[in-house]
Amino acid sequence: MFRLLLLSSFFVASSWGLPKGMPGSSKGDELCTNMGGTCVDWRYYVCNGGVETGLCTGDSNIRCCLSCDQTCQDNENEWSAGDGACEEAGGDCKLNSNYCDGVYTGGKCGGPNERQCCQKPDEGDCPRIISRAEWGARPANPSFMGDSVPNMFVHHAEGPDCYNQEDCMAQVRGIQNYHMDSNGWSDIGYSFLVGGDGNVYEGRGWNKIGAHTQGYNSVGYGTCFIGSFMTKNPTQEAMDVYQQLASCAVGLGKVQSNYEMFGHRQAGSTDCPGDKLYQTIQSWPKWTPGSP
C-alpha cells in the first residue's frame, strides 16, 4: 500500500501527463487520451481523477487513468482530512474505480460516497449465511476445490423476486429442484444466492465446485440474485449484502484479494445476469471487462 501511495503523490503532481519514466498510452488508446487520460496498468497506480474501463488497448489490467487538474487536487487535499477512520484501520482512501488489493468499505473517508477505504477484510466482515439445513436443501455429493480462486461470477435466477426469508427459501428450494430434476445436476448450481430480503443463502457453499459458469466452475464462485433483472436492479439490501459476501470471501482466503468479477454473459452465450444488473455491476469494485 505504501508503494501505491508514493506513486499516487507522484502522479498527481504531474496531472496533465505521466511523470518521466512511467509507461504512457500507445497508439489505439485515443478514447482515453482524448479525455486527457493515460492508459496504465491500474494495479500499480492511484488515479485521483478516477479510472475508466474499455478505453485502452491491451489486457484487462490496462485502464484509463483520468486527469486530475488543480481543482481535483485541491479536492483531494481537502477530503483527505477526513480519512482518519480508514487510516486507523490500516487502509487507503481513494475513488473506488481504482484498484484495491483488499475490499472497499464506505463511511471511513472524506469526500464523496465513491471515495472509499481499501483495506484487508477479516471474518467479521462476513454476512449471516442461511445454511442449506435452514432452507431445506436436498442432500448432495459435492466435489471440492481449494482456496484462493481467482474469479467471482454474478448471475440472476430469471424467475420471481422474493422479499422475505420464507419466500426466498421457497425460491431456493425450487431452483435446487429444477437444477436436479430438470437439468440432471447433482445439486443446485450456484455457490450462493442473494434474496431481495438482503439475506445470503448457501448454495453449494465454500470450497465446492459449482455448476454456474461452464468452463470456470472450479476456479470461481457463482452468486445468483434471486429474481429477473433485465429491466430493474435487485434491492439495495441485496446489492449491499453481495458486497459484504465478496469481502468475506477475500477475508476468509476463499478468493484472491485481486480476484476478478464477471457477469455470467461474459463467459458464455446468455443474457444473465440481466441487462440492468449487468450494467450496474460494471461500476462495482473488481468488475473486469472482457472474458475470464
Protein backbone atom coordinates (compact mmCIF):
# COMPACT_ATOMS: atom_id res chain seq x y z
CA MET A 1 0.00 0.00 0.00
CA PHE A 2 2.89 2.38 0.80
CA ARG A 3 4.25 1.92 -2.71
CA LEU A 4 0.87 2.82 -4.17
CA LEU A 5 0.64 5.98 -2.10
CA LEU A 6 4.05 7.15 -3.31
CA LEU A 7 3.00 6.56 -6.88
CA SER A 8 -0.23 8.43 -6.23
CA SER A 9 1.58 11.52 -4.99
CA PHE A 10 3.99 11.42 -7.93
CA PHE A 11 1.19 11.03 -10.43
CA VAL A 12 -0.97 13.82 -9.02
CA ALA A 13 1.97 16.23 -9.14
CA SER A 14 2.03 15.74 -12.93
CA SER A 15 -1.70 15.59 -13.55
CA TRP A 16 -1.57 16.60 -17.19
CA GLY A 17 0.62 13.65 -18.20
CA LEU A 18 2.53 10.75 -16.74
CA PRO A 19 5.80 11.59 -14.99
CA LYS A 20 9.01 10.82 -16.84
CA GLY A 21 9.85 7.15 -16.62
CA MET A 22 6.25 5.93 -16.23
CA PRO A 23 4.59 3.98 -19.07
CA GLY A 24 2.26 6.03 -21.23
CA SER A 25 -0.53 5.43 -23.71
CA SER A 26 0.18 3.90 -27.10
CA LYS A 27 -1.44 4.22 -30.50
CA GLY A 28 -5.00 2.92 -30.28
CA ASP A 29 -5.66 4.49 -26.88
CA GLU A 30 -7.20 7.68 -28.28
CA LEU A 31 -10.50 7.14 -26.45
CA CYS A 32 -8.56 7.62 -23.23
CA THR A 33 -6.07 10.26 -24.31
CA ASN A 34 -8.78 12.38 -25.92
CA MET A 35 -10.32 12.63 -22.43
CA GLY A 36 -6.99 13.81 -21.05
CA GLY A 37 -6.24 10.43 -19.53
CA THR A 38 -3.37 7.96 -19.78
CA CYS A 39 -3.51 4.19 -20.17
CA VAL A 40 -1.67 2.42 -17.34
CA ASP A 41 -1.69 -0.90 -15.52
CA TRP A 42 -4.21 0.12 -12.87
CA ARG A 43 -2.76 -2.27 -10.29
CA TYR A 44 0.25 -0.01 -9.74
CA TYR A 45 -1.21 3.50 -9.76
CA VAL A 46 -3.71 5.50 -7.75
CA CYS A 47 -5.60 7.92 -10.00
CA ASN A 48 -7.25 10.70 -8.04
CA GLY A 49 -9.28 11.64 -11.11
CA GLY A 50 -10.70 8.12 -11.30
CA VAL A 51 -10.30 5.13 -13.63
CA GLU A 52 -12.37 4.22 -16.70
CA THR A 53 -12.55 0.78 -18.33
CA GLY A 54 -12.87 -0.06 -22.03
CA LEU A 55 -10.84 2.90 -23.31
CA CYS A 56 -7.41 1.32 -23.66
CA THR A 57 -5.79 -1.38 -25.74
CA GLY A 58 -4.11 -4.33 -24.05
CA ASP A 59 -5.33 -6.75 -21.41
CA SER A 60 -7.99 -6.04 -18.80
CA ASN A 61 -5.47 -4.51 -16.38
CA ILE A 62 -4.68 -1.64 -18.76
CA ARG A 63 -7.18 1.08 -17.89
CA CYS A 64 -7.61 4.80 -18.41
CA CYS A 65 -6.25 6.92 -15.55
CA LEU A 66 -8.20 10.17 -15.80
CA SER A 67 -6.50 13.53 -15.46
CA CYS A 68 -6.59 15.24 -12.06
CA ASP A 69 -6.49 19.02 -12.59
CA GLN A 70 -5.85 21.65 -9.93
CA THR A 71 -9.45 21.59 -8.68
CA CYS A 72 -9.27 17.80 -8.43
CA GLN A 73 -6.01 18.04 -6.47
CA ASP A 74 -7.46 20.69 -4.14
CA ASN A 75 -10.49 18.47 -3.51
CA GLU A 76 -8.26 15.50 -2.73
CA ASN A 77 -6.27 17.54 -0.23
CA GLU A 78 -9.47 18.73 1.46
CA TRP A 79 -11.10 15.29 1.52
CA SER A 80 -8.02 13.58 2.93
CA ALA A 81 -8.51 15.48 6.19
CA GLY A 82 -11.47 13.15 6.82
CA ASP A 83 -9.57 9.90 6.24
CA GLY A 84 -8.72 9.18 9.88
CA ALA A 85 -11.02 6.18 10.37
CA CYS A 86 -9.61 4.45 7.29
CA GLU A 87 -6.01 5.17 8.23
CA GLU A 88 -6.60 3.80 11.74
CA ALA A 89 -7.90 0.60 10.13
CA GLY A 90 -4.74 0.34 8.04
CA GLY A 91 -6.45 1.27 4.79
CA ASP A 92 -6.11 3.82 1.99
CA CYS A 93 -8.83 6.20 0.80
CA LYS A 94 -9.36 6.56 -2.94
CA LEU A 95 -12.10 6.60 -5.55
CA ASN A 96 -13.48 3.08 -5.78
CA SER A 97 -12.84 2.87 -9.53
CA ASN A 98 -9.17 2.41 -8.56
CA TYR A 99 -7.61 -0.99 -7.98
CA CYS A 100 -7.88 -2.33 -4.44
CA ASP A 101 -5.86 -5.31 -3.21
CA GLY A 102 -8.42 -5.86 -0.44
CA VAL A 103 -12.01 -4.67 -0.38
CA TYR A 104 -13.68 -1.27 -0.31
CA THR A 105 -15.78 -0.13 2.62
CA GLY A 106 -17.72 3.11 2.89
CA GLY A 107 -18.07 5.63 5.70
CA LYS A 108 -14.37 5.86 6.60
CA CYS A 109 -13.14 8.51 4.16
CA GLY A 110 -13.67 12.18 3.48
CA GLY A 111 -15.25 13.32 0.23
CA PRO A 112 -17.99 11.78 -1.96
CA ASN A 113 -19.54 8.36 -1.38
CA GLU A 114 -17.46 6.75 -4.12
CA ARG A 115 -14.26 7.68 -2.26
CA GLN A 116 -13.89 4.63 -0.05
CA CYS A 117 -11.44 2.82 2.21
CA CYS A 118 -9.41 0.00 0.63
CA GLN A 119 -8.42 -2.39 3.40
CA LYS A 120 -7.81 -6.02 4.16
CA PRO A 121 -11.02 -7.62 5.49
CA ASP A 122 -11.39 -10.14 8.29
CA GLU A 123 -14.00 -12.72 9.27
CA GLY A 124 -16.01 -10.02 11.00
CA ASP A 125 -16.96 -8.72 7.56
CA CYS A 126 -18.94 -11.87 6.76
CA PRO A 127 -22.73 -11.63 6.49
CA ARG A 128 -25.04 -14.20 8.01
CA ILE A 129 -25.40 -17.04 5.51
CA ILE A 130 -28.60 -19.04 5.76
CA SER A 131 -27.42 -22.63 5.68
CA ARG A 132 -28.63 -25.47 3.49
CA ALA A 133 -30.17 -27.08 6.54
CA GLU A 134 -32.13 -23.91 7.29
CA TRP A 135 -33.65 -23.59 3.82
CA GLY A 136 -34.26 -27.33 3.47
CA ALA A 137 -31.74 -28.46 0.88
CA ARG A 138 -31.79 -31.95 -0.57
CA PRO A 139 -28.63 -33.99 0.09
CA ALA A 140 -25.82 -33.85 -2.44
CA ASN A 141 -22.38 -35.37 -3.09
CA PRO A 142 -20.10 -32.40 -3.74
CA SER A 143 -16.74 -32.18 -5.45
CA PHE A 144 -14.21 -29.89 -3.83
CA MET A 145 -11.86 -27.08 -4.83
CA GLY A 146 -9.15 -25.24 -2.93
CA ASP A 147 -8.88 -21.73 -1.54
CA SER A 148 -7.72 -18.57 -3.30
CA VAL A 149 -9.68 -18.98 -6.54
CA PRO A 150 -9.32 -16.05 -8.97
CA ASN A 151 -12.90 -15.33 -10.04
CA MET A 152 -16.41 -14.44 -8.90
CA PHE A 153 -19.41 -14.60 -11.25
CA VAL A 154 -22.73 -12.75 -10.93
CA HIS A 155 -25.99 -14.41 -12.08
CA HIS A 156 -29.72 -13.88 -11.87
CA ALA A 157 -32.31 -16.60 -11.50
CA GLU A 158 -34.58 -15.12 -14.19
CA GLY A 159 -37.61 -16.00 -12.07
CA PRO A 160 -39.85 -14.43 -9.42
CA ASP A 161 -38.46 -11.96 -6.89
CA CYS A 162 -38.59 -12.58 -3.15
CA TYR A 163 -38.63 -10.06 -0.33
CA ASN A 164 -38.82 -12.11 2.88
CA GLN A 165 -36.95 -15.12 4.18
CA GLU A 166 -39.83 -17.57 3.86
CA ASP A 167 -40.44 -16.73 0.21
CA CYS A 168 -36.73 -16.65 -0.60
CA MET A 169 -36.16 -20.07 0.95
CA ALA A 170 -39.01 -21.43 -1.16
CA GLN A 171 -37.39 -19.94 -4.27
CA VAL A 172 -34.05 -21.52 -3.41
CA ARG A 173 -35.68 -24.93 -2.94
CA GLY A 174 -37.42 -24.50 -6.28
CA ILE A 175 -34.15 -23.65 -8.01
CA GLN A 176 -32.46 -26.69 -6.49
CA ASN A 177 -35.33 -28.93 -7.61
CA TYR A 178 -35.12 -27.55 -11.15
CA HIS A 179 -31.36 -27.99 -11.35
CA MET A 180 -31.50 -31.54 -10.03
CA ASP A 181 -34.71 -32.84 -11.60
CA SER A 182 -34.76 -30.98 -14.95
CA ASN A 183 -31.07 -30.37 -15.60
CA GLY A 184 -29.95 -33.64 -14.05
CA TRP A 185 -27.32 -31.95 -11.90
CA SER A 186 -26.14 -33.30 -8.56
CA ASP A 187 -27.19 -30.17 -6.65
CA ILE A 188 -28.20 -26.54 -7.01
CA GLY A 189 -25.72 -24.96 -9.39
CA TYR A 190 -24.87 -21.72 -7.59
CA SER A 191 -22.35 -21.26 -4.80
CA PHE A 192 -24.57 -18.71 -3.07
CA LEU A 193 -27.87 -16.95 -3.70
CA VAL A 194 -28.95 -13.48 -2.62
CA GLY A 195 -32.56 -12.61 -1.90
CA GLY A 196 -34.39 -9.32 -2.10
CA ASP A 197 -34.69 -9.61 1.69
CA GLY A 198 -30.95 -8.89 1.98
CA ASN A 199 -30.04 -12.43 3.06
CA VAL A 200 -27.38 -14.73 1.60
CA TYR A 201 -28.44 -18.34 1.07
CA GLU A 202 -25.88 -21.12 0.94
CA GLY A 203 -25.92 -22.96 -2.39
CA ARG A 204 -23.05 -25.37 -2.82
CA GLY A 205 -21.08 -23.13 -0.48
CA TRP A 206 -17.38 -22.59 0.14
CA ASN A 207 -14.80 -24.88 -1.47
CA LYS A 208 -17.40 -26.78 -3.51
CA ILE A 209 -17.23 -26.90 -7.30
CA GLY A 210 -20.45 -25.43 -8.66
CA ALA A 211 -22.40 -25.68 -11.91
CA HIS A 212 -22.92 -21.99 -12.59
CA THR A 213 -20.44 -20.88 -15.28
CA GLN A 214 -19.38 -23.50 -17.80
CA GLY A 215 -15.62 -23.77 -18.06
CA TYR A 216 -14.99 -21.83 -14.85
CA ASN A 217 -16.79 -23.76 -12.12
CA SER A 218 -13.59 -24.93 -10.46
CA VAL A 219 -11.90 -21.52 -10.49
CA GLY A 220 -14.61 -19.26 -9.12
CA TYR A 221 -17.75 -18.78 -7.07
CA GLY A 222 -21.12 -18.08 -8.69
CA THR A 223 -23.59 -15.89 -6.81
CA CYS A 224 -27.17 -15.69 -8.05
CA PHE A 225 -29.52 -12.78 -7.35
CA ILE A 226 -32.99 -14.28 -6.95
CA GLY A 227 -35.33 -12.66 -9.46
CA SER A 228 -35.16 -11.31 -13.02
CA PHE A 229 -33.08 -8.19 -13.59
CA MET A 230 -33.44 -7.36 -17.24
CA THR A 231 -35.13 -4.00 -16.58
CA LYS A 232 -34.55 -3.34 -12.87
CA ASN A 233 -31.89 -3.81 -10.22
CA PRO A 234 -32.09 -6.05 -7.16
CA THR A 235 -33.00 -4.32 -3.91
CA GLN A 236 -30.34 -2.16 -2.31
CA GLU A 237 -30.24 -4.64 0.58
CA ALA A 238 -29.41 -7.44 -1.85
CA MET A 239 -26.68 -5.47 -3.59
CA ASP A 240 -25.16 -4.39 -0.27
CA VAL A 241 -25.04 -7.92 1.12
CA TYR A 242 -23.37 -9.15 -2.08
CA GLN A 243 -20.54 -6.69 -1.43
CA GLN A 244 -20.30 -7.98 2.11
CA LEU A 245 -20.17 -11.56 0.83
CA ALA A 246 -17.36 -10.62 -1.56
CA SER A 247 -15.44 -9.01 1.32
CA CYS A 248 -15.99 -12.16 3.35
CA ALA A 249 -14.66 -14.34 0.54
CA VAL A 250 -11.42 -12.34 0.50
CA GLY A 251 -11.15 -12.22 4.28
CA LEU A 252 -11.51 -15.99 4.57
CA GLY A 253 -9.00 -16.56 1.77
CA LYS A 254 -11.62 -18.23 -0.42
CA VAL A 255 -10.83 -15.90 -3.32
CA GLN A 256 -7.67 -14.00 -4.14
CA SER A 257 -7.51 -10.41 -2.92
CA ASN A 258 -7.04 -9.32 -6.55
CA TYR A 259 -9.88 -11.52 -7.84
CA GLU A 260 -11.80 -10.55 -10.97
CA MET A 261 -15.58 -10.34 -11.07
CA PHE A 262 -17.64 -11.03 -14.20
CA GLY A 263 -21.25 -11.19 -15.25
CA HIS A 264 -22.29 -14.64 -16.48
CA ARG A 265 -22.74 -13.37 -20.05
CA GLN A 266 -19.03 -12.58 -20.24
CA ALA A 267 -18.29 -16.31 -20.07
CA GLY A 268 -20.99 -17.69 -22.37
CA SER A 269 -23.95 -17.06 -24.67
CA THR A 270 -26.62 -15.87 -22.22
CA ASP A 271 -28.39 -12.69 -21.14
CA CYS A 272 -27.59 -13.49 -17.49
CA PRO A 273 -27.39 -11.61 -15.10
CA GLY A 274 -29.96 -9.45 -16.89
CA ASP A 275 -29.37 -6.24 -18.84
CA LYS A 276 -29.96 -3.82 -15.99
CA LEU A 277 -27.95 -5.72 -13.39
CA TYR A 278 -25.11 -6.28 -15.85
CA GLN A 279 -24.97 -2.55 -16.49
CA THR A 280 -24.90 -1.92 -12.74
CA ILE A 281 -22.14 -4.36 -11.82
CA GLN A 282 -19.79 -2.64 -14.25
CA SER A 283 -19.47 0.14 -11.66
CA TRP A 284 -18.71 -2.29 -8.82
CA PRO A 285 -15.20 -2.91 -7.48
CA LYS A 286 -13.44 -5.86 -9.13
CA TRP A 287 -15.69 -5.97 -12.24
CA THR A 288 -13.42 -6.80 -15.17
CA PRO A 289 -14.23 -6.20 -18.85
CA GLY A 290 -13.83 -8.91 -21.46
CA SER A 291 -13.97 -12.64 -20.86
CA PRO A 292 -12.40 -14.51 -17.94
